Protein backbone atom coordinates (compact mmCIF):
# COMPACT_ATOMS: atom_id res chain seq x y z
CA MET A 1 4.71 -18.19 6.91
CA HIS A 2 1.99 -20.71 8.14
CA GLY A 3 0.98 -22.66 11.07
CA ILE A 4 -0.61 -20.64 13.89
CA VAL A 5 -3.89 -22.32 14.73
CA SER A 6 -6.55 -21.52 17.49
CA ARG A 7 -9.84 -23.16 17.98
CA LEU A 8 -13.06 -21.54 19.13
CA ALA A 9 -15.94 -23.66 20.38
CA MET A 10 -19.46 -22.47 19.21
CA ALA A 11 -21.13 -20.81 22.02
CA ALA A 12 -24.09 -22.69 23.46
CA GLY A 13 -27.53 -21.30 22.92
CA LEU A 14 -26.85 -19.41 19.63
CA GLY A 15 -28.89 -21.84 17.53
CA VAL A 16 -28.28 -20.87 14.03
CA ALA A 17 -27.29 -17.33 14.75
CA CYS A 18 -23.93 -16.43 13.33
CA TRP A 19 -21.41 -14.96 15.84
CA MET A 20 -18.38 -15.09 13.63
CA PRO A 21 -17.47 -12.32 11.12
CA PRO A 22 -20.01 -12.04 8.30
CA LEU A 23 -17.62 -13.48 5.68
CA ALA A 24 -17.07 -16.45 7.85
CA CYS A 25 -20.81 -16.94 8.03
CA ALA A 26 -21.24 -16.59 4.37
CA ALA A 27 -18.52 -19.16 3.95
CA GLY A 28 -20.50 -22.06 5.29
CA GLU A 29 -19.39 -25.26 6.84
CA GLY A 30 -16.19 -26.65 5.79
CA LYS A 31 -15.06 -23.64 4.00
CA SER A 32 -12.73 -20.85 5.14
CA VAL A 33 -12.30 -17.13 4.70
CA GLU A 34 -9.62 -14.50 5.58
CA ILE A 35 -9.95 -11.69 7.93
CA TRP A 36 -7.46 -9.12 9.22
CA ALA A 37 -6.52 -7.84 12.54
CA LYS A 38 -4.10 -5.02 13.62
CA ALA A 39 -2.67 -3.91 16.83
CA GLY A 40 -0.19 -1.45 18.27
CA ILE A 41 2.49 -3.27 20.17
CA THR A 42 5.52 -2.57 22.19
CA ILE A 43 8.51 -4.82 21.86
CA SER A 44 11.24 -5.01 24.70
CA PRO A 45 15.01 -4.92 23.96
CA GLU A 46 14.80 -8.73 24.39
CA GLY A 47 12.23 -9.09 21.60
CA SER A 48 9.12 -9.89 23.58
CA ILE A 49 5.71 -8.06 23.44
CA THR A 50 5.16 -6.11 26.56
CA ALA A 51 2.13 -4.13 25.57
CA LEU A 52 -0.72 -4.86 22.86
CA GLN A 53 -3.80 -2.81 22.07
CA TRP A 54 -6.08 -3.80 19.26
CA ASP A 55 -7.21 -1.40 16.62
CA GLY A 56 -10.52 -1.04 14.97
CA PRO A 57 -14.10 -1.55 16.20
CA ASP A 58 -14.63 -3.86 19.02
CA LYS A 59 -17.46 -5.91 17.41
CA PRO A 60 -18.30 -9.11 19.41
CA ALA A 61 -17.34 -11.42 16.58
CA LEU A 62 -14.05 -9.81 16.10
CA ALA A 63 -13.41 -9.39 19.91
CA ALA A 64 -13.81 -13.19 20.13
CA VAL A 65 -11.13 -13.69 17.51
CA ARG A 66 -8.81 -11.36 19.23
CA ALA A 67 -9.42 -12.93 22.60
CA ALA A 68 -8.70 -16.47 21.21
CA ILE A 69 -5.48 -15.46 19.51
CA GLU A 70 -4.01 -13.03 21.82
CA PRO A 71 -2.25 -15.35 24.22
CA GLY A 72 -0.42 -16.96 21.42
CA ILE A 73 0.25 -13.60 19.65
CA ARG A 74 1.93 -12.31 22.94
CA LYS A 75 4.38 -15.38 22.61
CA LEU A 76 5.81 -13.97 19.26
CA GLN A 77 9.58 -12.87 19.34
CA PHE A 78 10.83 -10.02 17.45
CA GLU A 79 13.98 -8.29 16.55
CA PRO A 80 13.38 -4.74 17.93
CA GLY A 81 14.76 -1.63 16.43
CA ARG A 82 18.32 -0.35 17.26
CA LEU A 83 19.87 2.95 18.45
CA ASP A 84 23.64 3.17 18.02
CA GLY A 85 23.55 -0.51 17.29
CA ILE A 86 21.85 -1.48 20.59
CA ALA A 87 18.47 -3.33 20.60
CA THR A 88 16.03 -0.74 22.03
CA GLU A 89 12.33 -0.77 23.12
CA THR A 90 10.19 -0.42 19.98
CA GLU A 91 6.70 0.71 19.32
CA THR A 92 5.11 -0.61 16.05
CA THR A 93 1.92 -1.92 14.48
CA LEU A 94 1.38 -5.68 14.04
CA SER A 95 -0.77 -6.67 11.05
CA LEU A 96 -2.17 -10.10 11.02
CA ARG A 97 -3.81 -12.15 8.09
CA LEU A 98 -5.99 -14.77 9.63
CA GLU A 99 -7.90 -17.68 8.13
CA VAL A 100 -11.19 -18.72 9.87
CA SER A 101 -12.67 -22.03 8.98
CA GLU A 102 -15.38 -24.25 10.56
CA GLY A 103 -14.50 -27.69 11.78
CA ALA A 104 -16.59 -30.88 11.68
CA ASN A 105 -17.63 -30.40 15.31
CA HIS A 106 -18.87 -26.91 14.62
CA ASP A 107 -15.87 -25.20 16.25
CA TRP A 108 -13.84 -22.62 14.38
CA ALA A 109 -10.12 -22.97 13.52
CA ILE A 110 -8.21 -19.73 13.36
CA ARG A 111 -4.87 -19.84 11.58
CA VAL A 112 -2.34 -16.99 11.33
CA LEU A 113 -1.29 -16.97 7.64
CA ASP A 114 1.02 -13.87 7.91
CA ALA A 115 2.34 -11.22 10.42
CA SER A 116 4.21 -8.11 9.59
CA THR A 117 5.21 -4.85 11.53
CA GLY A 118 5.59 -1.16 10.36
CA ALA A 119 3.73 2.11 10.39
CA ALA A 120 -0.11 2.18 9.96
CA ALA A 121 -2.86 4.41 8.81
CA ILE A 122 -5.16 4.69 11.75
CA GLU A 123 -7.76 7.12 10.41
CA GLN A 124 -8.58 6.92 6.79
CA GLY A 125 -11.45 9.28 5.80
CA PRO A 126 -12.98 8.73 2.32
CA PRO A 127 -11.61 10.77 -0.65
CA ALA A 128 -13.63 13.25 -2.44
CA TYR A 129 -14.86 11.73 -5.84
CA PRO A 130 -13.93 14.41 -8.44
CA VAL A 131 -17.38 15.90 -9.58
CA SER A 132 -16.30 16.15 -13.28
CA ALA A 133 -15.18 12.49 -13.30
CA LEU A 134 -18.34 11.33 -11.64
CA ARG A 135 -20.50 13.14 -14.12
CA ALA A 136 -18.51 11.61 -16.93
CA GLY A 137 -18.73 8.21 -15.51
CA HIS A 138 -14.98 7.96 -15.11
CA GLU A 139 -13.35 5.46 -12.48
CA ALA A 140 -9.87 4.97 -11.38
CA GLU A 141 -7.35 3.57 -9.06
CA VAL A 142 -4.47 5.56 -7.63
CA VAL A 143 -1.73 3.90 -5.67
CA SER A 144 0.41 6.50 -3.88
CA GLU A 145 3.83 5.89 -2.42
CA ILE A 146 4.30 8.41 0.57
CA GLU A 147 6.77 9.21 3.27
CA VAL A 148 5.45 10.02 6.71
CA ASP A 149 7.78 11.86 9.04
CA GLY A 150 7.83 11.64 12.74
CA GLU A 151 5.32 14.39 13.08
CA GLY A 152 2.83 12.76 10.79
CA ARG A 153 3.51 15.01 7.85
CA VAL A 154 3.13 13.40 4.45
CA THR A 155 5.35 13.69 1.40
CA LEU A 156 4.12 12.21 -1.86
CA LEU A 157 6.94 10.23 -3.55
CA ASP A 158 5.13 8.69 -6.55
CA ALA A 159 1.76 7.66 -7.77
CA SER A 160 0.49 5.17 -10.21
CA PHE A 161 -2.78 5.50 -12.08
CA ARG A 162 -5.29 3.17 -13.83
CA GLY A 163 -8.32 4.76 -15.38
CA SER A 164 -11.38 4.20 -17.47
CA GLY A 165 -9.38 4.79 -20.62
CA ARG A 166 -5.75 5.03 -21.90
CA ARG A 167 -6.10 8.76 -22.06
CA ASP A 168 -8.32 9.29 -19.24
CA PRO A 169 -9.31 13.04 -19.13
CA SER A 170 -9.89 12.85 -15.51
CA ARG A 171 -6.48 11.56 -14.56
CA GLN A 172 -5.26 14.70 -12.96
CA ALA A 173 -8.52 15.25 -11.00
CA PHE A 174 -8.18 11.67 -9.56
CA LEU A 175 -4.48 12.15 -8.69
CA ASP A 176 -5.36 15.48 -6.96
CA ALA A 177 -8.16 13.82 -5.02
CA SER A 178 -5.80 10.99 -3.75
CA ALA A 179 -3.03 13.32 -2.66
CA ALA A 180 -5.54 15.36 -0.72
CA ALA A 181 -7.14 12.34 1.03
CA VAL A 182 -3.76 10.83 1.83
CA ASP A 183 -2.54 14.10 3.19
CA GLY A 184 -5.50 14.22 5.58
CA TRP A 185 -5.16 10.73 7.00
CA LYS A 186 -3.62 10.08 10.32
CA TYR A 187 -0.70 7.60 10.74
CA ARG A 188 1.11 5.90 13.54
CA VAL A 189 4.71 5.71 12.86
CA GLU A 190 7.13 3.34 14.70
CA ARG A 191 9.27 4.57 17.70
CA VAL A 192 12.55 3.32 18.92
CA GLY A 193 13.53 4.36 22.31
CA GLY A 194 10.68 6.90 22.21
CA HIS A 195 12.14 8.42 19.00
CA PRO A 196 9.76 8.50 15.97
CA VAL A 197 10.94 6.81 12.77
CA ALA A 198 9.92 8.03 9.26
CA ALA A 199 8.02 5.55 7.21
CA ARG A 200 7.41 4.82 3.66
CA MET A 201 3.96 3.48 2.79
CA SER A 202 1.92 2.23 -0.30
CA VAL A 203 -1.52 3.72 -0.30
CA PRO A 204 -4.21 2.60 -2.73
CA ILE A 205 -7.51 4.42 -3.31
CA GLN A 206 -10.15 2.94 -5.63
CA PHE A 207 -12.68 5.40 -7.27
CA CYS A 208 -15.60 3.30 -8.15
CA ILE A 209 -19.29 3.83 -9.24
CA GLU A 210 -22.02 1.53 -7.97
CA ALA A 211 -22.28 -1.72 -10.14
CA SER A 212 -18.86 -0.99 -11.51
CA ARG A 213 -17.25 -3.77 -13.73
CA ARG A 214 -13.66 -2.34 -13.42
CA PRO A 215 -11.26 -5.15 -12.11
CA TRP A 216 -10.21 -2.89 -9.30
CA CYS A 217 -13.76 -2.19 -8.25
CA ASP A 218 -15.61 -5.58 -8.81
CA GLY A 219 -13.38 -7.89 -6.82
CA SER A 220 -12.21 -9.86 -9.74
CA GLU A 221 -8.61 -9.02 -8.91
CA GLY A 222 -9.05 -10.54 -5.38
CA LYS A 223 -9.57 -8.96 -1.94
CA THR A 224 -5.91 -8.27 -1.24
CA ARG A 225 -3.06 -6.43 -2.65
CA THR A 226 0.80 -6.85 -2.33
CA ALA A 227 3.49 -4.26 -2.04
CA ASN A 228 7.11 -4.94 -1.22
CA GLY A 229 6.28 -8.41 -0.11
CA ARG A 230 3.59 -7.42 2.16
CA THR A 231 -0.12 -8.08 1.74
CA ALA A 232 -3.16 -6.21 3.01
CA PRO A 233 -6.93 -5.84 2.26
CA LEU A 234 -7.86 -3.69 -0.77
CA GLY A 235 -7.88 -0.02 0.46
CA GLU A 236 -5.57 -0.64 3.25
CA ALA A 237 -2.19 1.26 3.37
CA ILE A 238 0.85 -0.96 3.43
CA ALA A 239 4.10 -0.17 5.29
CA LEU A 240 7.04 -0.69 2.92
CA ASP A 241 9.69 -0.89 5.63
CA SER A 242 9.93 -1.56 9.44
CA VAL A 243 12.54 -1.15 12.06
CA ALA A 244 11.33 -4.44 13.67
CA ARG A 245 11.26 -7.90 12.32
CA LEU A 246 9.44 -10.99 13.24
CA ARG A 247 11.93 -13.53 14.68
CA THR A 248 9.35 -16.43 15.27
CA ASP A 249 8.90 -18.99 12.53
CA LEU A 250 5.17 -19.13 12.09
CA ALA A 251 5.62 -22.66 10.42
CA GLY A 252 6.55 -24.14 13.76
CA PHE A 253 4.56 -21.97 16.18
CA GLY A 254 1.24 -22.89 17.65
CA ILE A 255 -1.25 -21.14 19.87
């Protein structure tokens, strides 16, 4: 899905000071970077956004991006959840993948590359690094598939593991640490007509030692991961299903 574009003029008087997200500043003129934004939204039975609340820190640079795209984002149309086959007011989380690039006139073009809905992890405390694994210099990536019920309780369905060796002796310690972290996070599930809906999510945790050269630690595998057709930054939980569906074709939609 492609095509949403918004432009921001460079604020007068800033000189060489960078007011965009740090990655955008590092990209330099003529280059682009991707950033992410997430918001809790309410969708009417007709499919329009009736309420929107951005998640995350309200830093000036990110606030500028949000302000620029919000009028257009509010025009998106969705297929809401249903109760007894009837379209019903739905609360969900909207995740946006944005491309920020600098134009020839020192303005910034913001394009929405992707948009998806579903449950979200809203508080993700860092996991405890197993002491024995740390002392041994072991590293790992654990990707857990979980189910979150309407009360926020977590059930671990499955977990995949990549470690420092084929027979990593710290495997179980990493799996236990991941399970404990995921169980302690806070999630926002979707609601249809006020009723919470259980959700499945893919939750990655990378255990990395400073100056690591593991592919899941050093960024060589990229800054995003995909699960069930959805993409998110490394370390971000991905909703594997959603009661809502984006109806607007981003390829033909502009801000």
